């Protein structure tokens, strides 16, 4: 017999697959009724992350984070906040990219 915590992990993983399948069914039904309705039951990247969180409970979420580009957009928003002045769009974009490059660590390239 499995230890209690492993049994719970197994049930959680199984239940998360059921939730995802039901969500996908709801999206398909909503699209069949009205293909132009973008407000309801759209599958988002967070559903994928939800499955990872439920299936791999013994790892840190950062080990399987799939959508780092979402957090980059938040970084851009913080860096690109205009503080006033007569900056042209080109200068503002250049400054934002330079700030972003300076905020990231250099890649460790193996020999």
PDB file of N, CA and C in Angstrom:
ATOM      1  N   UNK A   1       0.843  -1.183   0.000  1.00  0.00           N
ATOM      2  CA  UNK A   1       0.000   0.000   0.000  1.00  0.00           C
ATOM      3  C   UNK A   1       0.891   1.249   0.000  1.00  0.00           C
ATOM      4  N   UNK A   2       0.472   2.262  -0.726  1.00  0.00           N
ATOM      5  CA  UNK A   2       1.241   3.505  -0.822  1.00  0.00           C
ATOM      6  C   UNK A   2       1.118   4.327   0.454  1.00  0.00           C
ATOM      7  N   UNK A   3       2.170   5.057   0.809  1.00  0.00           N
ATOM      8  CA  UNK A   3       2.059   5.999   1.931  1.00  0.00           C
ATOM      9  C   UNK A   3       1.001   7.063   1.614  1.00  0.00           C
ATOM     10  N   UNK A   4       0.453   7.629   2.648  1.00  0.00           N
ATOM     11  CA  UNK A   4      -0.653   8.588   2.504  1.00  0.00           C
ATOM     12  C   UNK A   4      -0.305   9.749   1.576  1.00  0.00           C
ATOM     13  N   UNK A   5       0.900  10.353   1.739  1.00  0.00           N
ATOM     14  CA  UNK A   5       1.252  11.520   0.929  1.00  0.00           C
ATOM     15  C   UNK A   5       1.390  11.147  -0.550  1.00  0.00           C
ATOM     16  N   UNK A   6       1.846   9.944  -0.855  1.00  0.00           N
ATOM     17  CA  UNK A   6       1.944   9.525  -2.259  1.00  0.00           C
ATOM     18  C   UNK A   6       0.568   9.255  -2.851  1.00  0.00           C
ATOM     19  N   UNK A   7      -0.325   8.723  -2.043  1.00  0.00           N
ATOM     20  CA  UNK A   7      -1.692   8.492  -2.497  1.00  0.00           C
ATOM     21  C   UNK A   7      -2.380   9.821  -2.813  1.00  0.00           C
ATOM     22  N   UNK A   8      -2.162  10.808  -1.946  1.00  0.00           N
ATOM     23  CA  UNK A   8      -2.742  12.137  -2.180  1.00  0.00           C
ATOM     24  C   UNK A   8      -2.157  12.755  -3.447  1.00  0.00           C
ATOM     25  N   UNK A   9      -0.848  12.639  -3.655  1.00  0.00           N
ATOM     26  CA  UNK A   9      -0.221  13.174  -4.870  1.00  0.00           C
ATOM     27  C   UNK A   9      -0.812  12.517  -6.115  1.00  0.00           C
ATOM     28  N   UNK A  10      -1.018  11.209  -6.051  1.00  0.00           N
ATOM     29  CA  UNK A  10      -1.570  10.480  -7.190  1.00  0.00           C
ATOM     30  C   UNK A  10      -2.999  10.939  -7.489  1.00  0.00           C
ATOM     31  N   UNK A  11      -3.794  11.101  -6.447  1.00  0.00           N
ATOM     32  CA  UNK A  11      -5.172  11.573  -6.632  1.00  0.00           C
ATOM     33  C   UNK A  11      -5.204  13.003  -7.159  1.00  0.00           C
ATOM     34  N   UNK A  12      -4.313  13.835  -6.654  1.00  0.00           N
ATOM     35  CA  UNK A  12      -4.249  15.224  -7.121  1.00  0.00           C
ATOM     36  C   UNK A  12      -3.904  15.278  -8.603  1.00  0.00           C
ATOM     37  N   UNK A  13      -2.932  14.491  -9.022  1.00  0.00           N
ATOM     38  CA  UNK A  13      -2.546  14.456 -10.435  1.00  0.00           C
ATOM     39  C   UNK A  13      -3.707  13.979 -11.301  1.00  0.00           C
ATOM     40  N   UNK A  14      -4.387  12.948 -10.867  1.00  0.00           N
ATOM     41  CA  UNK A  14      -5.525  12.413 -11.618  1.00  0.00           C
ATOM     42  C   UNK A  14      -6.663  13.431 -11.688  1.00  0.00           C
ATOM     43  N   UNK A  15      -6.944  14.075 -10.574  1.00  0.00           N
ATOM     44  CA  UNK A  15      -8.018  15.074 -10.539  1.00  0.00           C
ATOM     45  C   UNK A  15      -7.700  16.276 -11.410  1.00  0.00           C
ATOM     46  N   UNK A  16      -6.423  16.684 -11.446  1.00  0.00           N
ATOM     47  CA  UNK A  16      -6.063  17.840 -12.274  1.00  0.00           C
ATOM     48  C   UNK A  16      -6.268  17.535 -13.758  1.00  0.00           C
ATOM     49  N   UNK A  17      -6.019  16.289 -14.164  1.00  0.00           N
ATOM     50  CA  UNK A  17      -6.263  15.898 -15.555  1.00  0.00           C
ATOM     51  C   UNK A  17      -7.753  15.953 -15.869  1.00  0.00           C
ATOM     52  N   UNK A  18      -8.583  15.547 -14.917  1.00  0.00           N
ATOM     53  CA  UNK A  18     -10.032  15.603 -15.114  1.00  0.00           C
ATOM     54  C   UNK A  18     -10.510  17.053 -15.229  1.00  0.00           C
ATOM     55  N   UNK A  19      -9.985  17.916 -14.361  1.00  0.00           N
ATOM     56  CA  UNK A  19     -10.353  19.338 -14.412  1.00  0.00           C
ATOM     57  C   UNK A  19      -9.970  19.934 -15.764  1.00  0.00           C
ATOM     58  N   UNK A  20      -8.769  19.632 -16.237  1.00  0.00           N
ATOM     59  CA  UNK A  20      -8.322  20.150 -17.535  1.00  0.00           C
ATOM     60  C   UNK A  20      -9.205  19.629 -18.664  1.00  0.00           C
ATOM     61  N   UNK A  21      -9.546  18.349 -18.633  1.00  0.00           N
ATOM     62  CA  UNK A  21     -10.399  17.773 -19.678  1.00  0.00           C
ATOM     63  C   UNK A  21     -11.786  18.417 -19.667  1.00  0.00           C
ATOM     64  N   UNK A  22     -12.340  18.642 -18.478  1.00  0.00           N
ATOM     65  CA  UNK A  22     -13.647  19.295 -18.382  1.00  0.00           C
ATOM     66  C   UNK A  22     -13.578  20.735 -18.884  1.00  0.00           C
ATOM     67  N   UNK A  23     -12.505  21.429 -18.557  1.00  0.00           N
ATOM     68  CA  UNK A  23     -12.342  22.816 -19.006  1.00  0.00           C
ATOM     69  C   UNK A  23     -12.272  22.868 -20.538  1.00  0.00           C
ATOM     70  N   UNK A  24     -11.536  21.923 -21.126  1.00  0.00           N
ATOM     71  CA  UNK A  24     -11.421  21.867 -22.583  1.00  0.00           C
ATOM     72  C   UNK A  24     -12.789  21.594 -23.196  1.00  0.00           C
ATOM     73  N   UNK A  25     -13.568  20.711 -22.592  1.00  0.00           N
ATOM     74  CA  UNK A  25     -14.924  20.417 -23.086  1.00  0.00           C
ATOM     75  C   UNK A  25     -15.808  21.664 -23.024  1.00  0.00           C
ATOM     76  N   UNK A  26     -15.695  22.421 -21.938  1.00  0.00           N
ATOM     77  CA  UNK A  26     -16.476  23.653 -21.822  1.00  0.00           C
ATOM     78  C   UNK A  26     -16.088  24.662 -22.901  1.00  0.00           C
ATOM     79  N   UNK A  27     -14.782  24.750 -23.177  1.00  0.00           N
ATOM     80  CA  UNK A  27     -14.342  25.662 -24.237  1.00  0.00           C
ATOM     81  C   UNK A  27     -14.904  25.227 -25.589  1.00  0.00           C
ATOM     82  N   UNK A  28     -14.845  23.934 -25.890  1.00  0.00           N
ATOM     83  CA  UNK A  28     -15.345  23.435 -27.165  1.00  0.00           C
ATOM     84  C   UNK A  28     -16.839  23.691 -27.311  1.00  0.00           C
ATOM     85  N   UNK A  29     -17.597  23.494 -26.234  1.00  0.00           N
ATOM     86  CA  UNK A  29     -19.037  23.749 -26.284  1.00  0.00           C
ATOM     87  C   UNK A  29     -19.332  25.228 -26.483  1.00  0.00           C
ATOM     88  N   UNK A  30     -18.586  26.091 -25.767  1.00  0.00           N
ATOM     89  CA  UNK A  30     -18.789  27.533 -25.918  1.00  0.00           C
ATOM     90  C   UNK A  30     -18.447  27.991 -27.334  1.00  0.00           C
ATOM     91  N   UNK A  31     -17.381  27.453 -27.917  1.00  0.00           N
ATOM     92  CA  UNK A  31     -17.000  27.816 -29.283  1.00  0.00           C
ATOM     93  C   UNK A  31     -18.022  27.308 -30.300  1.00  0.00           C
ATOM     94  N   UNK A  32     -18.618  26.150 -30.043  1.00  0.00           N
ATOM     95  CA  UNK A  32     -19.641  25.622 -30.944  1.00  0.00           C
ATOM     96  C   UNK A  32     -20.881  26.510 -30.945  1.00  0.00           C
ATOM     97  N   UNK A  33     -21.213  27.074 -29.791  1.00  0.00           N
ATOM     98  CA  UNK A  33     -22.389  27.951 -29.695  1.00  0.00           C
ATOM     99  C   UNK A  33     -22.123  29.320 -30.306  1.00  0.00           C
ATOM    100  N   UNK A  34     -20.933  29.874 -30.038  1.00  0.00           N
ATOM    101  CA  UNK A  34     -20.592  31.213 -30.545  1.00  0.00           C
ATOM    102  C   UNK A  34     -19.088  31.314 -30.749  1.00  0.00           C
ATOM    103  N   UNK A  35     -18.610  31.070 -31.988  1.00  0.00           N
ATOM    104  CA  UNK A  35     -17.159  31.091 -32.246  1.00  0.00           C
ATOM    105  C   UNK A  35     -16.504  32.458 -32.018  1.00  0.00           C
ATOM    106  N   UNK A  36     -17.292  33.531 -32.018  1.00  0.00           N
ATOM    107  CA  UNK A  36     -16.725  34.873 -31.869  1.00  0.00           C
ATOM    108  C   UNK A  36     -16.648  35.326 -30.407  1.00  0.00           C
ATOM    109  N   UNK A  37     -17.228  34.561 -29.492  1.00  0.00           N
ATOM    110  CA  UNK A  37     -17.218  34.941 -28.080  1.00  0.00           C
ATOM    111  C   UNK A  37     -15.851  34.622 -27.480  1.00  0.00           C
ATOM    112  N   UNK A  38     -15.120  35.649 -27.111  1.00  0.00           N
ATOM    113  CA  UNK A  38     -13.770  35.450 -26.556  1.00  0.00           C
ATOM    114  C   UNK A  38     -13.748  35.613 -25.040  1.00  0.00           C
ATOM    115  N   UNK A  39     -14.908  35.732 -24.419  1.00  0.00           N
ATOM    116  CA  UNK A  39     -14.940  36.018 -22.987  1.00  0.00           C
ATOM    117  C   UNK A  39     -15.018  34.780 -22.111  1.00  0.00           C
ATOM    118  N   UNK A  40     -15.468  33.648 -22.660  1.00  0.00           N
ATOM    119  CA  UNK A  40     -15.737  32.511 -21.798  1.00  0.00           C
ATOM    120  C   UNK A  40     -14.910  31.291 -22.154  1.00  0.00           C
ATOM    121  N   UNK A  41     -14.442  30.597 -21.156  1.00  0.00           N
ATOM    122  CA  UNK A  41     -13.865  29.266 -21.251  1.00  0.00           C
ATOM    123  C   UNK A  41     -12.725  29.148 -22.250  1.00  0.00           C
ATOM    124  N   UNK A  42     -11.896  30.136 -22.342  1.00  0.00           N
ATOM    125  CA  UNK A  42     -10.718  30.044 -23.202  1.00  0.00           C
ATOM    126  C   UNK A  42      -9.597  29.368 -22.433  1.00  0.00           C
ATOM    127  N   UNK A  43      -8.936  28.431 -23.081  1.00  0.00           N
ATOM    128  CA  UNK A  43      -7.805  27.756 -22.443  1.00  0.00           C
ATOM    129  C   UNK A  43      -6.637  28.726 -22.387  1.00  0.00           C
ATOM    130  N   UNK A  44      -6.072  28.859 -21.238  1.00  0.00           N
ATOM    131  CA  UNK A  44      -4.955  29.778 -21.008  1.00  0.00           C
ATOM    132  C   UNK A  44      -3.706  28.979 -20.629  1.00  0.00           C
ATOM    133  N   UNK A  45      -2.540  29.594 -20.760  1.00  0.00           N
ATOM    134  CA  UNK A  45      -1.315  28.916 -20.330  1.00  0.00           C
ATOM    135  C   UNK A  45      -1.356  28.503 -18.858  1.00  0.00           C
ATOM    136  N   UNK A  46      -2.159  29.202 -18.066  1.00  0.00           N
ATOM    137  CA  UNK A  46      -2.229  28.871 -16.645  1.00  0.00           C
ATOM    138  C   UNK A  46      -2.819  27.480 -16.415  1.00  0.00           C
ATOM    139  N   UNK A  47      -3.631  26.981 -17.352  1.00  0.00           N
ATOM    140  CA  UNK A  47      -4.159  25.624 -17.216  1.00  0.00           C
ATOM    141  C   UNK A  47      -3.017  24.614 -17.315  1.00  0.00           C
ATOM    142  N   UNK A  48      -2.085  24.877 -18.211  1.00  0.00           N
ATOM    143  CA  UNK A  48      -0.910  24.017 -18.367  1.00  0.00           C
ATOM    144  C   UNK A  48      -0.064  24.052 -17.093  1.00  0.00           C
ATOM    145  N   UNK A  49       0.163  25.232 -16.565  1.00  0.00           N
ATOM    146  CA  UNK A  49       0.931  25.368 -15.330  1.00  0.00           C
ATOM    147  C   UNK A  49       0.208  24.689 -14.171  1.00  0.00           C
ATOM    148  N   UNK A  50      -1.113  24.829 -14.115  1.00  0.00           N
ATOM    149  CA  UNK A  50      -1.914  24.169 -13.085  1.00  0.00           C
ATOM    150  C   UNK A  50      -1.669  22.663 -13.089  1.00  0.00           C
ATOM    151  N   UNK A  51      -1.647  22.074 -14.271  1.00  0.00           N
ATOM    152  CA  UNK A  51      -1.392  20.640 -14.362  1.00  0.00           C
ATOM    153  C   UNK A  51       0.005  20.291 -13.833  1.00  0.00           C
ATOM    154  N   UNK A  52       0.993  21.086 -14.199  1.00  0.00           N
ATOM    155  CA  UNK A  52       2.348  20.837 -13.692  1.00  0.00           C
ATOM    156  C   UNK A  52       2.401  20.943 -12.172  1.00  0.00           C
ATOM    157  N   UNK A  53       1.742  21.950 -11.621  1.00  0.00           N
ATOM    158  CA  UNK A  53       1.749  22.127 -10.165  1.00  0.00           C
ATOM    159  C   UNK A  53       1.121  20.931  -9.462  1.00  0.00           C
ATOM    160  N   UNK A  54       0.084  20.371 -10.063  1.00  0.00           N
ATOM    161  CA  UNK A  54      -0.603  19.237  -9.444  1.00  0.00           C
ATOM    162  C   UNK A  54       0.125  17.919  -9.667  1.00  0.00           C
ATOM    163  N   UNK A  55       0.826  17.787 -10.774  1.00  0.00           N
ATOM    164  CA  UNK A  55       1.471  16.517 -11.098  1.00  0.00           C
ATOM    165  C   UNK A  55       2.867  16.381 -10.497  1.00  0.00           C
ATOM    166  N   UNK A  56       3.564  17.488 -10.327  1.00  0.00           N
ATOM    167  CA  UNK A  56       4.944  17.439  -9.846  1.00  0.00           C
ATOM    168  C   UNK A  56       5.067  18.184  -8.528  1.00  0.00           C
ATOM    169  N   UNK A  57       4.403  17.688  -7.507  1.00  0.00           N
ATOM    170  CA  UNK A  57       4.352  18.412  -6.235  1.00  0.00           C
ATOM    171  C   UNK A  57       5.657  18.358  -5.460  1.00  0.00           C
ATOM    172  N   UNK A  58       6.583  17.481  -5.871  1.00  0.00           N
ATOM    173  CA  UNK A  58       7.839  17.397  -5.136  1.00  0.00           C
ATOM    174  C   UNK A  58       8.949  18.250  -5.749  1.00  0.00           C
ATOM    175  N   UNK A  59       8.621  19.078  -6.739  1.00  0.00           N
ATOM    176  CA  UNK A  59       9.589  19.974  -7.377  1.00  0.00           C
ATOM    177  C   UNK A  59       9.133  21.414  -7.234  1.00  0.00           C
ATOM    178  N   UNK A  60      10.070  22.321  -7.361  1.00  0.00           N
ATOM    179  CA  UNK A  60       9.743  23.741  -7.355  1.00  0.00           C
ATOM    180  C   UNK A  60       9.105  24.121  -8.696  1.00  0.00           C
ATOM    181  N   UNK A  61       8.065  24.953  -8.703  1.00  0.00           N
ATOM    182  CA  UNK A  61       7.445  25.357  -9.964  1.00  0.00           C
ATOM    183  C   UNK A  61       8.423  25.998 -10.949  1.00  0.00           C
ATOM    184  N   UNK A  62       9.474  26.617 -10.459  1.00  0.00           N
ATOM    185  CA  UNK A  62      10.411  27.253 -11.382  1.00  0.00           C
ATOM    186  C   UNK A  62      11.180  26.222 -12.211  1.00  0.00           C
ATOM    187  N   UNK A  63      11.153  24.948 -11.779  1.00  0.00           N
ATOM    188  CA  UNK A  63      11.828  23.899 -12.547  1.00  0.00           C
ATOM    189  C   UNK A  63      11.091  23.537 -13.828  1.00  0.00           C
ATOM    190  N   UNK A  64       9.828  23.876 -13.921  1.00  0.00           N
ATOM    191  CA  UNK A  64       9.068  23.542 -15.128  1.00  0.00           C
ATOM    192  C   UNK A  64       8.195  24.692 -15.584  1.00  0.00           C
ATOM    193  N   UNK A  65       8.572  25.895 -15.288  1.00  0.00           N
ATOM    194  CA  UNK A  65       7.851  27.089 -15.718  1.00  0.00           C
ATOM    195  C   UNK A  65       7.880  27.162 -17.237  1.00  0.00           C
ATOM    196  N   UNK A  66       6.720  27.240 -17.842  1.00  0.00           N
ATOM    197  CA  UNK A  66       6.608  27.141 -19.308  1.00  0.00           C
ATOM    198  C   UNK A  66       6.470  28.490 -19.987  1.00  0.00           C
ATOM    199  N   UNK A  67       6.091  29.494 -19.264  1.00  0.00           N
ATOM    200  CA  UNK A  67       5.725  30.749 -19.905  1.00  0.00           C
ATOM    201  C   UNK A  67       6.487  31.923 -19.300  1.00  0.00           C
ATOM    202  N   UNK A  68       7.786  31.862 -19.401  1.00  0.00           N
ATOM    203  CA  UNK A  68       8.618  32.936 -18.855  1.00  0.00           C
ATOM    204  C   UNK A  68       8.367  34.243 -19.592  1.00  0.00           C
ATOM    205  N   UNK A  69       7.879  34.168 -20.836  1.00  0.00           N
ATOM    206  CA  UNK A  69       7.614  35.385 -21.590  1.00  0.00           C
ATOM    207  C   UNK A  69       6.541  36.240 -20.917  1.00  0.00           C
ATOM    208  N   UNK A  70       5.626  35.630 -20.148  1.00  0.00           N
ATOM    209  CA  UNK A  70       4.619  36.411 -19.442  1.00  0.00           C
ATOM    210  C   UNK A  70       5.268  37.300 -18.389  1.00  0.00           C
ATOM    211  N   UNK A  71       6.241  36.793 -17.670  1.00  0.00           N
ATOM    212  CA  UNK A  71       6.887  37.604 -16.649  1.00  0.00           C
ATOM    213  C   UNK A  71       7.783  38.667 -17.273  1.00  0.00           C
ATOM    214  N   UNK A  72       8.314  38.408 -18.471  1.00  0.00           N
ATOM    215  CA  UNK A  72       9.124  39.409 -19.164  1.00  0.00           C
ATOM    216  C   UNK A  72       8.280  40.636 -19.491  1.00  0.00           C
ATOM    217  N   UNK A  73       7.010  40.421 -19.844  1.00  0.00           N
ATOM    218  CA  UNK A  73       6.156  41.563 -20.162  1.00  0.00           C
ATOM    219  C   UNK A  73       5.939  42.429 -18.921  1.00  0.00           C
ATOM    220  N   UNK A  74       5.858  41.816 -17.756  1.00  0.00           N
ATOM    221  CA  UNK A  74       5.764  42.599 -16.522  1.00  0.00           C
ATOM    222  C   UNK A  74       7.031  43.404 -16.281  1.00  0.00           C
ATOM    223  N   UNK A  75       8.187  42.793 -16.573  1.00  0.00           N
ATOM    224  CA  UNK A  75       9.460  43.522 -16.448  1.00  0.00           C
ATOM    225  C   UNK A  75       9.478  44.718 -17.386  1.00  0.00           C
ATOM    226  N   UNK A  76       9.036  44.504 -18.629  1.00  0.00           N
ATOM    227  CA  UNK A  76       9.008  45.600 -19.605  1.00  0.00           C
ATOM    228  C   UNK A  76       8.096  46.725 -19.121  1.00  0.00           C
ATOM    229  N   UNK A  77       6.960  46.363 -18.558  1.00  0.00           N
ATOM    230  CA  UNK A  77       6.039  47.384 -18.058  1.00  0.00           C
ATOM    231  C   UNK A  77       6.675  48.255 -16.989  1.00  0.00           C
ATOM    232  N   UNK A  78       7.429  47.623 -16.084  1.00  0.00           N
ATOM    233  CA  UNK A  78       8.098  48.383 -15.026  1.00  0.00           C
ATOM    234  C   UNK A  78       9.216  49.267 -15.589  1.00  0.00           C
ATOM    235  N   UNK A  79       9.965  48.726 -16.551  1.00  0.00           N
ATOM    236  CA  UNK A  79      11.093  49.474 -17.101  1.00  0.00           C
ATOM    237  C   UNK A  79      10.661  50.600 -18.025  1.00  0.00           C
ATOM    238  N   UNK A  80       9.530  50.437 -18.677  1.00  0.00           N
ATOM    239  CA  UNK A  80       9.133  51.365 -19.722  1.00  0.00           C
ATOM    240  C   UNK A  80       8.241  52.498 -19.215  1.00  0.00           C
ATOM    241  N   UNK A  81       8.020  52.553 -17.909  1.00  0.00           N
ATOM    242  CA  UNK A  81       7.198  53.622 -17.364  1.00  0.00           C
ATOM    243  C   UNK A  81       7.841  54.958 -17.673  1.00  0.00           C
ATOM    244  N   UNK A  82       7.099  55.789 -18.358  1.00  0.00           N
ATOM    245  CA  UNK A  82       7.633  57.090 -18.768  1.00  0.00           C
ATOM    246  C   UNK A  82       7.615  58.048 -17.586  1.00  0.00           C
ATOM    247  N   UNK A  83       8.680  58.745 -17.414  1.00  0.00           N
ATOM    248  CA  UNK A  83       8.819  59.667 -16.290  1.00  0.00           C
ATOM    249  C   UNK A  83       8.630  61.126 -16.711  1.00  0.00           C
ATOM    250  N   UNK A  84       8.222  61.324 -17.932  1.00  0.00           N
ATOM    251  CA  UNK A  84       8.044  62.682 -18.431  1.00  0.00           C
ATOM    252  C   UNK A  84       9.200  63.092 -19.320  1.00  0.00           C
ATOM    253  N   UNK A  85       9.123  64.257 -19.890  1.00  0.00           N
ATOM    254  CA  UNK A  85      10.186  64.733 -20.766  1.00  0.00           C
ATOM    255  C   UNK A  85       9.799  64.564 -22.222  1.00  0.00           C
ATOM    256  N   UNK A  86      10.721  64.937 -23.095  1.00  0.00           N
ATOM    257  CA  UNK A  86      10.427  64.941 -24.528  1.00  0.00           C
ATOM    258  C   UNK A  86      11.139  63.799 -25.229  1.00  0.00           C
ATOM    259  N   UNK A  87      11.055  62.609 -24.708  1.00  0.00           N
ATOM    260  CA  UNK A  87      11.697  61.460 -25.347  1.00  0.00           C
ATOM    261  C   UNK A  87      10.926  61.025 -26.583  1.00  0.00           C
ATOM    262  N   UNK A  88      11.649  60.752 -27.631  1.00  0.00           N
ATOM    263  CA  UNK A  88      10.999  60.207 -28.821  1.00  0.00           C
ATOM    264  C   UNK A  88      10.719  58.727 -28.579  1.00  0.00           C
ATOM    265  N   UNK A  89       9.804  58.100 -29.345  1.00  0.00           N
ATOM    266  CA  UNK A  89       9.537  56.673 -29.157  1.00  0.00           C
ATOM    267  C   UNK A  89      10.801  55.821 -29.322  1.00  0.00           C
ATOM    268  N   UNK A  90      11.665  56.172 -30.264  1.00  0.00           N
ATOM    269  CA  UNK A  90      12.897  55.410 -30.476  1.00  0.00           C
ATOM    270  C   UNK A  90      13.824  55.481 -29.278  1.00  0.00           C
ATOM    271  N   UNK A  91      13.979  56.668 -28.707  1.00  0.00           N
ATOM    272  CA  UNK A  91      14.836  56.846 -27.540  1.00  0.00           C
ATOM    273  C   UNK A  91      14.260  56.121 -26.331  1.00  0.00           C
ATOM    274  N   UNK A  92      12.950  56.210 -26.167  1.00  0.00           N
ATOM    275  CA  UNK A  92      12.302  55.535 -25.043  1.00  0.00           C
ATOM    276  C   UNK A  92      12.476  54.019 -25.162  1.00  0.00           C
ATOM    277  N   UNK A  93      12.302  53.458 -26.354  1.00  0.00           N
ATOM    278  CA  UNK A  93      12.466  52.013 -26.557  1.00  0.00           C
ATOM    279  C   UNK A  93      13.917  51.593 -26.312  1.00  0.00           C
ATOM    280  N   UNK A  94      14.863  52.400 -26.794  1.00  0.00           N
ATOM    281  CA  UNK A  94      16.281  52.098 -26.589  1.00  0.00           C
ATOM    282  C   UNK A  94      16.610  52.077 -25.097  1.00  0.00           C
ATOM    283  N   UNK A  95      16.126  53.074 -24.363  1.00  0.00           N
ATOM    284  CA  UNK A  95      16.381  53.143 -22.920  1.00  0.00           C
ATOM    285  C   UNK A  95      15.779  51.944 -22.205  1.00  0.00           C
ATOM    286  N   UNK A  96      14.565  51.562 -22.591  1.00  0.00           N
ATOM    287  CA  UNK A  96      13.905  50.427 -21.969  1.00  0.00           C
ATOM    288  C   UNK A  96      14.689  49.144 -22.214  1.00  0.00           C
ATOM    289  N   UNK A  97      15.140  48.914 -23.442  1.00  0.00           N
ATOM    290  CA  UNK A  97      15.897  47.701 -23.752  1.00  0.00           C
ATOM    291  C   UNK A  97      17.243  47.675 -23.034  1.00  0.00           C
ATOM    292  N   UNK A  98      17.889  48.841 -22.913  1.00  0.00           N
ATOM    293  CA  UNK A  98      19.158  48.892 -22.187  1.00  0.00           C
ATOM    294  C   UNK A  98      18.952  48.578 -20.703  1.00  0.00           C
ATOM    295  N   UNK A  99      17.880  49.102 -20.115  1.00  0.00           N
ATOM    296  CA  UNK A  99      17.587  48.801 -18.712  1.00  0.00           C
ATOM    297  C   UNK A  99      17.305  47.316 -18.527  1.00  0.00           C
ATOM    298  N   UNK A 100      16.552  46.742 -19.466  1.00  0.00           N
ATOM    299  CA  UNK A 100      16.223  45.322 -19.368  1.00  0.00           C
ATOM    300  C   UNK A 100      17.478  44.462 -19.492  1.00  0.00           C
ATOM    301  N   UNK A 101      18.337  44.786 -20.442  1.00  0.00           N
ATOM    302  CA  UNK A 101      19.586  44.029 -20.610  1.00  0.00           C
ATOM    303  C   UNK A 101      20.455  44.131 -19.359  1.00  0.00           C
ATOM    304  N   UNK A 102      20.483  45.308 -18.754  1.00  0.00           N
ATOM    305  CA  UNK A 102      21.299  45.498 -17.553  1.00  0.00           C
ATOM    306  C   UNK A 102      20.724  44.755 -16.348  1.00  0.00           C
ATOM    307  N   UNK A 103      19.418  44.476 -16.362  1.00  0.00           N
ATOM    308  CA  UNK A 103      18.795  43.811 -15.213  1.00  0.00           C
ATOM    309  C   UNK A 103      18.927  42.296 -15.259  1.00  0.00           C
ATOM    310  N   UNK A 104      19.352  41.737 -16.389  1.00  0.00           N
ATOM    311  CA  UNK A 104      19.454  40.286 -16.539  1.00  0.00           C
ATOM    312  C   UNK A 104      20.890  39.826 -16.384  1.00  0.00           C
ATOM    313  N   UNK A 105      21.055  38.646 -15.804  1.00  0.00           N
ATOM    314  CA  UNK A 105      22.381  38.072 -15.614  1.00  0.00           C
ATOM    315  C   UNK A 105      22.905  37.567 -16.960  1.00  0.00           C
ATOM    316  N   UNK A 106      24.218  37.548 -17.094  1.00  0.00           N
ATOM    317  CA  UNK A 106      24.830  37.005 -18.297  1.00  0.00           C
ATOM    318  C   UNK A 106      24.628  35.494 -18.339  1.00  0.00           C
ATOM    319  N   UNK A 107      24.493  34.969 -19.541  1.00  0.00           N
ATOM    320  CA  UNK A 107      24.357  33.522 -19.693  1.00  0.00           C
ATOM    321  C   UNK A 107      25.689  32.854 -19.360  1.00  0.00           C
ATOM    322  N   UNK A 108      25.613  31.723 -18.728  1.00  0.00           N
ATOM    323  CA  UNK A 108      26.801  30.944 -18.424  1.00  0.00           C
ATOM    324  C   UNK A 108      27.011  29.967 -19.580  1.00  0.00           C
ATOM    325  N   UNK A 109      27.934  30.283 -20.450  1.00  0.00           N
ATOM    326  CA  UNK A 109      28.190  29.455 -21.634  1.00  0.00           C
ATOM    327  C   UNK A 109      29.293  28.467 -21.295  1.00  0.00           C
ATOM    328  N   UNK A 110      28.964  27.165 -21.397  1.00  0.00           N
ATOM    329  CA  UNK A 110      29.982  26.160 -21.071  1.00  0.00           C
ATOM    330  C   UNK A 110      31.120  26.166 -22.094  1.00  0.00           C
ATOM    331  N   UNK A 111      32.299  25.737 -21.658  1.00  0.00           N
ATOM    332  CA  UNK A 111      33.474  25.682 -22.555  1.00  0.00           C
ATOM    333  C   UNK A 111      33.341  24.596 -23.567  1.00  0.00           C
TER     334      UNK A 111
END
